[in-house]
Amino acid sequence: HPAPITELDRLLAVHTLLFSRPDPATLLDLTGA
């Protein structure tokens, strides 16, 4: 890739979005509205 570190940065952001485990403190109860 012509800018491999920039591309690696993008891939890490995608990986974090898809595969990071959620922070328990931020979870919302799936009830009501």
All heavy atoms as atom14 arrays in JSON, in Angstrom:
{
  "sequence": "HPAPITELDRLLAVHTLLFSRPDPATLLDLTGA",
  "atom14_mask": [
    [1, 1, 1, 1, 1, 1, 1, 1, 1, 1, 0, 0, 0, 0],
    [1, 1, 1, 1, 1, 1, 1, 0, 0, 0, 0, 0, 0, 0],
    [1, 1, 1, 1, 1, 0, 0, 0, 0, 0, 0, 0, 0, 0],
    [1, 1, 1, 1, 1, 1, 1, 0, 0, 0, 0, 0, 0, 0],
    [1, 1, 1, 1, 1, 1, 1, 1, 0, 0, 0, 0, 0, 0],
    [1, 1, 1, 1, 1, 1, 1, 0, 0, 0, 0, 0, 0, 0],
    [1, 1, 1, 1, 1, 1, 1, 1, 1, 0, 0, 0, 0, 0],
    [1, 1, 1, 1, 1, 1, 1, 1, 0, 0, 0, 0, 0, 0],
    [1, 1, 1, 1, 1, 1, 1, 1, 0, 0, 0, 0, 0, 0],
    [1, 1, 1, 1, 1, 1, 1, 1, 1, 1, 1, 0, 0, 0],
    [1, 1, 1, 1, 1, 1, 1, 1, 0, 0, 0, 0, 0, 0],
    [1, 1, 1, 1, 1, 1, 1, 1, 0, 0, 0, 0, 0, 0],
    [1, 1, 1, 1, 1, 0, 0, 0, 0, 0, 0, 0, 0, 0],
    [1, 1, 1, 1, 1, 1, 1, 0, 0, 0, 0, 0, 0, 0],
    [1, 1, 1, 1, 1, 1, 1, 1, 1, 1, 0, 0, 0, 0],
    [1, 1, 1, 1, 1, 1, 1, 0, 0, 0, 0, 0, 0, 0],
    [1, 1, 1, 1, 1, 1, 1, 1, 0, 0, 0, 0, 0, 0],
    [1, 1, 1, 1, 1, 1, 1, 1, 0, 0, 0, 0, 0, 0],
    [1, 1, 1, 1, 1, 1, 1, 1, 1, 1, 1, 0, 0, 0],
    [1, 1, 1, 1, 1, 1, 0, 0, 0, 0, 0, 0, 0, 0],
    [1, 1, 1, 1, 1, 1, 1, 1, 1, 1, 1, 0, 0, 0],
    [1, 1, 1, 1, 1, 1, 1, 0, 0, 0, 0, 0, 0, 0],
    [1, 1, 1, 1, 1, 1, 1, 1, 0, 0, 0, 0, 0, 0],
    [1, 1, 1, 1, 1, 1, 1, 0, 0, 0, 0, 0, 0, 0],
    [1, 1, 1, 1, 1, 0, 0, 0, 0, 0, 0, 0, 0, 0],
    [1, 1, 1, 1, 1, 1, 1, 0, 0, 0, 0, 0, 0, 0],
    [1, 1, 1, 1, 1, 1, 1, 1, 0, 0, 0, 0, 0, 0],
    [1, 1, 1, 1, 1, 1, 1, 1, 0, 0, 0, 0, 0, 0],
    [1, 1, 1, 1, 1, 1, 1, 1, 0, 0, 0, 0, 0, 0],
    [1, 1, 1, 1, 1, 1, 1, 1, 0, 0, 0, 0, 0, 0],
    [1, 1, 1, 1, 1, 1, 1, 0, 0, 0, 0, 0, 0, 0],
    [1, 1, 1, 1, 0, 0, 0, 0, 0, 0, 0, 0, 0, 0],
    [1, 1, 1, 1, 1, 0, 0, 0, 0, 0, 0, 0, 0, 0]
  ],
  "atom14_positions": [
    [[0.85, -1.19, 0.0], [0.0, 0.0, 0.0], [0.89, 1.24, 0.0], [1.95, 1.24, 0.64], [-0.89, -0.02, 1.25], [-2.04, 0.92, 1.21], [-1.9, 2.27, 1.47], [-3.36, 0.72, 0.94], [-3.09, 2.85, 1.36], [-3.98, 1.94, 1.04], [0.0, 0.0, 0.0], [0.0, 0.0, 0.0], [0.0, 0.0, 0.0], [0.0, 0.0, 0.0]],
    [[0.49, 2.31, -0.69], [1.32, 3.52, -0.7], [1.4, 4.23, 0.65], [2.35, 4.97, 0.9], [0.65, 4.41, -1.76], [-0.75, 3.89, -1.87], [-0.65, 2.42, -1.62], [0.0, 0.0, 0.0], [0.0, 0.0, 0.0], [0.0, 0.0, 0.0], [0.0, 0.0, 0.0], [0.0, 0.0, 0.0], [0.0, 0.0, 0.0], [0.0, 0.0, 0.0]],
    [[0.4, 4.01, 1.51], [0.42, 4.6, 2.86], [0.03, 3.51, 3.86], [-1.06, 3.52, 4.43], [-0.55, 5.77, 2.94], [0.0, 0.0, 0.0], [0.0, 0.0, 0.0], [0.0, 0.0, 0.0], [0.0, 0.0, 0.0], [0.0, 0.0, 0.0], [0.0, 0.0, 0.0], [0.0, 0.0, 0.0], [0.0, 0.0, 0.0], [0.0, 0.0, 0.0]],
    [[0.91, 2.54, 4.08], [0.52, 1.36, 4.87], [0.17, 1.64, 6.32], [-0.71, 0.99, 6.87], [1.75, 0.45, 4.77], [2.89, 1.37, 4.44], [2.3, 2.44, 3.6], [0.0, 0.0, 0.0], [0.0, 0.0, 0.0], [0.0, 0.0, 0.0], [0.0, 0.0, 0.0], [0.0, 0.0, 0.0], [0.0, 0.0, 0.0], [0.0, 0.0, 0.0]],
    [[0.82, 2.6, 6.96], [0.52, 2.87, 8.37], [-0.85, 3.54, 8.49], [-1.63, 3.22, 9.39], [1.63, 3.71, 9.02], [2.94, 2.92, 9.01], [1.27, 4.09, 10.44], [4.13, 3.68, 9.54], [0.0, 0.0, 0.0], [0.0, 0.0, 0.0], [0.0, 0.0, 0.0], [0.0, 0.0, 0.0], [0.0, 0.0, 0.0], [0.0, 0.0, 0.0]],
    [[-1.17, 4.45, 7.57], [-2.5, 5.06, 7.56], [-3.57, 4.01, 7.34], [-4.62, 4.01, 8.0], [-2.57, 6.13, 6.46], [-1.6, 7.14, 6.73], [-3.95, 6.76, 6.4], [0.0, 0.0, 0.0], [0.0, 0.0, 0.0], [0.0, 0.0, 0.0], [0.0, 0.0, 0.0], [0.0, 0.0, 0.0], [0.0, 0.0, 0.0], [0.0, 0.0, 0.0]],
    [[-3.31, 3.08, 6.44], [-4.27, 2.01, 6.19], [-4.39, 1.08, 7.4], [-5.49, 0.62, 7.74], [-3.85, 1.22, 4.95], [-4.73, 0.04, 4.6], [-6.17, 0.4, 4.23], [-6.5, 1.6, 4.15], [-6.97, -0.54, 4.04], [0.0, 0.0, 0.0], [0.0, 0.0, 0.0], [0.0, 0.0, 0.0], [0.0, 0.0, 0.0], [0.0, 0.0, 0.0]],
    [[-3.27, 0.81, 8.07], [-3.32, -0.02, 9.27], [-4.13, 0.66, 10.36], [-4.89, 0.0, 11.09], [-1.9, -0.3, 9.75], [-1.73, -1.29, 10.91], [-2.27, -2.66, 10.53], [-0.26, -1.38, 11.31], [0.0, 0.0, 0.0], [0.0, 0.0, 0.0], [0.0, 0.0, 0.0], [0.0, 0.0, 0.0], [0.0, 0.0, 0.0], [0.0, 0.0, 0.0]],
    [[-4.01, 1.97, 10.47], [-4.81, 2.74, 11.41], [-6.29, 2.57, 11.12], [-7.11, 2.38, 12.03], [-4.42, 4.22, 11.3], [-4.44, 4.95, 12.62], [-4.92, 4.37, 13.61], [-3.96, 6.09, 12.67], [0.0, 0.0, 0.0], [0.0, 0.0, 0.0], [0.0, 0.0, 0.0], [0.0, 0.0, 0.0], [0.0, 0.0, 0.0], [0.0, 0.0, 0.0]],
    [[-6.67, 2.63, 9.84], [-8.06, 2.44, 9.46], [-8.56, 1.04, 9.81], [-9.66, 0.85, 10.35], [-8.23, 2.7, 7.95], [-9.69, 2.65, 7.48], [-9.79, 2.67, 5.96], [-9.33, 1.43, 5.37], [-10.08, 0.32, 5.28], [-11.32, 0.3, 5.75], [-9.6, -0.77, 4.72], [0.0, 0.0, 0.0], [0.0, 0.0, 0.0], [0.0, 0.0, 0.0]],
    [[-7.73, 0.04, 9.53], [-8.11, -1.33, 9.83], [-8.3, -1.55, 11.33], [-9.21, -2.27, 11.75], [-7.08, -2.3, 9.27], [-6.99, -2.42, 7.76], [-5.85, -3.36, 7.37], [-8.3, -2.88, 7.16], [0.0, 0.0, 0.0], [0.0, 0.0, 0.0], [0.0, 0.0, 0.0], [0.0, 0.0, 0.0], [0.0, 0.0, 0.0], [0.0, 0.0, 0.0]],
    [[-7.44, -0.93, 12.13], [-7.59, -1.07, 13.57], [-8.9, -0.46, 14.05], [-9.56, -1.01, 14.93], [-6.41, -0.43, 14.3], [-6.47, -0.49, 15.83], [-6.54, -1.94, 16.33], [-5.27, 0.22, 16.45], [0.0, 0.0, 0.0], [0.0, 0.0, 0.0], [0.0, 0.0, 0.0], [0.0, 0.0, 0.0], [0.0, 0.0, 0.0], [0.0, 0.0, 0.0]],
    [[-9.3, 0.67, 13.46], [-10.57, 1.29, 13.83], [-11.74, 0.37, 13.48], [-12.69, 0.22, 14.26], [-10.72, 2.64, 13.13], [0.0, 0.0, 0.0], [0.0, 0.0, 0.0], [0.0, 0.0, 0.0], [0.0, 0.0, 0.0], [0.0, 0.0, 0.0], [0.0, 0.0, 0.0], [0.0, 0.0, 0.0], [0.0, 0.0, 0.0], [0.0, 0.0, 0.0]],
    [[-11.68, -0.28, 12.32], [-12.74, -1.21, 11.93], [-12.74, -2.42, 12.86], [-13.8, -2.88, 13.32], [-12.56, -1.66, 10.47], [-13.58, -2.74, 10.11], [-12.7, -0.47, 9.53], [0.0, 0.0, 0.0], [0.0, 0.0, 0.0], [0.0, 0.0, 0.0], [0.0, 0.0, 0.0], [0.0, 0.0, 0.0], [0.0, 0.0, 0.0], [0.0, 0.0, 0.0]],
    [[-11.56, -2.93, 13.16], [-11.45, -4.08, 14.07], [-12.03, -3.73, 15.44], [-12.76, -4.53, 16.04], [-9.99, -4.48, 14.21], [-9.77, -5.71, 15.03], [-9.77, -5.71, 16.41], [-9.53, -7.0, 14.66], [-9.56, -6.93, 16.85], [-9.4, -7.73, 15.82], [0.0, 0.0, 0.0], [0.0, 0.0, 0.0], [0.0, 0.0, 0.0], [0.0, 0.0, 0.0]],
    [[-11.72, -2.55, 15.94], [-12.23, -2.12, 17.24], [-13.75, -2.03, 17.23], [-14.42, -2.46, 18.18], [-11.62, -0.75, 17.62], [-10.19, -0.89, 17.68], [-12.14, -0.27, 18.97], [0.0, 0.0, 0.0], [0.0, 0.0, 0.0], [0.0, 0.0, 0.0], [0.0, 0.0, 0.0], [0.0, 0.0, 0.0], [0.0, 0.0, 0.0], [0.0, 0.0, 0.0]],
    [[-14.31, -1.49, 16.15], [-15.76, -1.39, 16.03], [-16.42, -2.76, 16.05], [-17.4, -2.99, 16.78], [-16.11, -0.67, 14.73], [-17.6, -0.69, 14.33], [-18.43, 0.13, 15.31], [-17.79, -0.19, 12.91], [0.0, 0.0, 0.0], [0.0, 0.0, 0.0], [0.0, 0.0, 0.0], [0.0, 0.0, 0.0], [0.0, 0.0, 0.0], [0.0, 0.0, 0.0]],
    [[-15.87, -3.69, 15.3], [-16.53, -4.99, 15.13], [-16.26, -5.97, 16.26], [-17.15, -6.73, 16.65], [-16.09, -5.62, 13.81], [-16.49, -4.9, 12.53], [-15.92, -5.61, 11.32], [-18.01, -4.79, 12.41], [0.0, 0.0, 0.0], [0.0, 0.0, 0.0], [0.0, 0.0, 0.0], [0.0, 0.0, 0.0], [0.0, 0.0, 0.0], [0.0, 0.0, 0.0]],
    [[-15.05, -5.97, 16.8], [-14.65, -7.08, 17.65], [-14.32, -6.72, 19.1], [-14.09, -7.62, 19.9], [-13.46, -7.81, 17.03], [-13.73, -8.3, 15.64], [-12.94, -7.91, 14.57], [-14.79, -9.17, 15.4], [-13.2, -8.36, 13.29], [-15.06, -9.63, 14.12], [-14.26, -9.22, 13.06], [0.0, 0.0, 0.0], [0.0, 0.0, 0.0], [0.0, 0.0, 0.0]],
    [[-14.3, -5.44, 19.44], [-14.06, -5.1, 20.84], [-15.25, -5.5, 21.7], [-16.4, -5.38, 21.28], [-13.81, -3.59, 20.99], [-12.59, -3.23, 20.42], [0.0, 0.0, 0.0], [0.0, 0.0, 0.0], [0.0, 0.0, 0.0], [0.0, 0.0, 0.0], [0.0, 0.0, 0.0], [0.0, 0.0, 0.0], [0.0, 0.0, 0.0], [0.0, 0.0, 0.0]],
    [[-14.98, -5.98, 22.89], [-16.05, -6.31, 23.82], [-16.6, -5.02, 24.42], [-15.83, -4.09, 24.72], [-15.51, -7.22, 24.93], [-14.71, -8.4, 24.41], [-15.56, -9.46, 23.72], [-14.77, -10.39, 22.93], [-14.04, -11.39, 23.41], [-13.96, -11.58, 24.71], [-13.38, -12.2, 22.6], [0.0, 0.0, 0.0], [0.0, 0.0, 0.0], [0.0, 0.0, 0.0]],
    [[-17.9, -4.92, 24.6], [-18.47, -3.67, 25.11], [-18.08, -3.38, 26.55], [-17.83, -4.3, 27.34], [-19.98, -3.91, 24.99], [-20.15, -5.39, 25.0], [-18.93, -5.94, 24.32], [0.0, 0.0, 0.0], [0.0, 0.0, 0.0], [0.0, 0.0, 0.0], [0.0, 0.0, 0.0], [0.0, 0.0, 0.0], [0.0, 0.0, 0.0], [0.0, 0.0, 0.0]],
    [[-18.04, -2.1, 26.88], [-17.8, -1.66, 28.24], [-19.07, -1.89, 29.05], [-20.12, -1.31, 28.75], [-17.44, -0.17, 28.24], [-17.18, 0.39, 29.63], [-17.4, -0.33, 30.63], [-16.78, 1.56, 29.71], [0.0, 0.0, 0.0], [0.0, 0.0, 0.0], [0.0, 0.0, 0.0], [0.0, 0.0, 0.0], [0.0, 0.0, 0.0], [0.0, 0.0, 0.0]],
    [[-19.04, -2.75, 30.08], [-20.26, -3.04, 30.85], [-20.94, -1.8, 31.4], [-22.17, -1.77, 31.54], [-19.75, -3.96, 31.97], [-18.51, -4.58, 31.42], [-17.89, -3.53, 30.56], [0.0, 0.0, 0.0], [0.0, 0.0, 0.0], [0.0, 0.0, 0.0], [0.0, 0.0, 0.0], [0.0, 0.0, 0.0], [0.0, 0.0, 0.0], [0.0, 0.0, 0.0]],
    [[-20.16, -0.77, 31.71], [-20.74, 0.45, 32.29], [-21.6, 1.21, 31.31], [-22.4, 2.06, 31.72], [-19.62, 1.34, 32.81], [0.0, 0.0, 0.0], [0.0, 0.0, 0.0], [0.0, 0.0, 0.0], [0.0, 0.0, 0.0], [0.0, 0.0, 0.0], [0.0, 0.0, 0.0], [0.0, 0.0, 0.0], [0.0, 0.0, 0.0], [0.0, 0.0, 0.0]],
    [[-21.46, 0.95, 30.02], [-22.21, 1.7, 29.01], [-23.43, 0.95, 28.48], [-24.22, 1.52, 27.73], [-21.31, 2.05, 27.82], [-20.96, 0.84, 27.12], [-20.05, 2.77, 28.27], [0.0, 0.0, 0.0], [0.0, 0.0, 0.0], [0.0, 0.0, 0.0], [0.0, 0.0, 0.0], [0.0, 0.0, 0.0], [0.0, 0.0, 0.0], [0.0, 0.0, 0.0]],
    [[-23.6, -0.32, 28.86], [-24.69, -1.12, 28.32], [-26.06, -0.58, 28.73], [-26.24, -0.08, 29.85], [-24.55, -2.57, 28.78], [-23.32, -3.32, 28.24], [-23.21, -4.69, 28.91], [-23.39, -3.47, 26.73], [0.0, 0.0, 0.0], [0.0, 0.0, 0.0], [0.0, 0.0, 0.0], [0.0, 0.0, 0.0], [0.0, 0.0, 0.0], [0.0, 0.0, 0.0]],
    [[-27.02, -0.69, 27.83], [-28.38, -0.19, 28.05], [-29.34, -1.37, 28.17], [-29.23, -2.35, 27.41], [-28.81, 0.7, 26.88], [-27.87, 1.87, 26.57], [-28.27, 2.52, 25.25], [-27.89, 2.88, 27.7], [0.0, 0.0, 0.0], [0.0, 0.0, 0.0], [0.0, 0.0, 0.0], [0.0, 0.0, 0.0], [0.0, 0.0, 0.0], [0.0, 0.0, 0.0]],
    [[-30.29, -1.29, 29.09], [-31.29, -2.34, 29.23], [-32.2, -2.36, 28.0], [-32.74, -1.32, 27.6], [-32.13, -2.12, 30.49], [-31.32, -2.35, 31.76], [-30.37, -3.14, 31.72], [-31.66, -1.72, 32.79], [0.0, 0.0, 0.0], [0.0, 0.0, 0.0], [0.0, 0.0, 0.0], [0.0, 0.0, 0.0], [0.0, 0.0, 0.0], [0.0, 0.0, 0.0]],
    [[-32.37, -3.53, 27.43], [-33.19, -3.67, 26.23], [-34.64, -3.91, 26.63], [-35.18, -5.01, 26.5], [-32.65, -4.81, 25.36], [-33.14, -4.88, 23.91], [-32.9, -3.56, 23.19], [-32.43, -6.01, 23.18], [0.0, 0.0, 0.0], [0.0, 0.0, 0.0], [0.0, 0.0, 0.0], [0.0, 0.0, 0.0], [0.0, 0.0, 0.0], [0.0, 0.0, 0.0]],
    [[-35.28, -2.86, 27.14], [-36.66, -2.93, 27.63], [-37.39, -1.65, 27.22], [-36.8, -0.68, 26.77], [-36.69, -3.05, 29.16], [-35.99, -1.92, 29.75], [-36.02, -4.33, 29.63], [0.0, 0.0, 0.0], [0.0, 0.0, 0.0], [0.0, 0.0, 0.0], [0.0, 0.0, 0.0], [0.0, 0.0, 0.0], [0.0, 0.0, 0.0], [0.0, 0.0, 0.0]],
    [[-38.72, -1.68, 27.42], [-39.54, -0.49, 27.25], [-39.41, 0.15, 25.89], [-39.41, -0.52, 24.84], [0.0, 0.0, 0.0], [0.0, 0.0, 0.0], [0.0, 0.0, 0.0], [0.0, 0.0, 0.0], [0.0, 0.0, 0.0], [0.0, 0.0, 0.0], [0.0, 0.0, 0.0], [0.0, 0.0, 0.0], [0.0, 0.0, 0.0], [0.0, 0.0, 0.0]],
    [[-39.31, 1.48, 25.89], [-39.28, 2.24, 24.65], [-38.06, 1.89, 23.8], [-38.14, 1.87, 22.57], [-39.29, 3.74, 24.95], [0.0, 0.0, 0.0], [0.0, 0.0, 0.0], [0.0, 0.0, 0.0], [0.0, 0.0, 0.0], [0.0, 0.0, 0.0], [0.0, 0.0, 0.0], [0.0, 0.0, 0.0], [0.0, 0.0, 0.0], [0.0, 0.0, 0.0]]
  ]
}
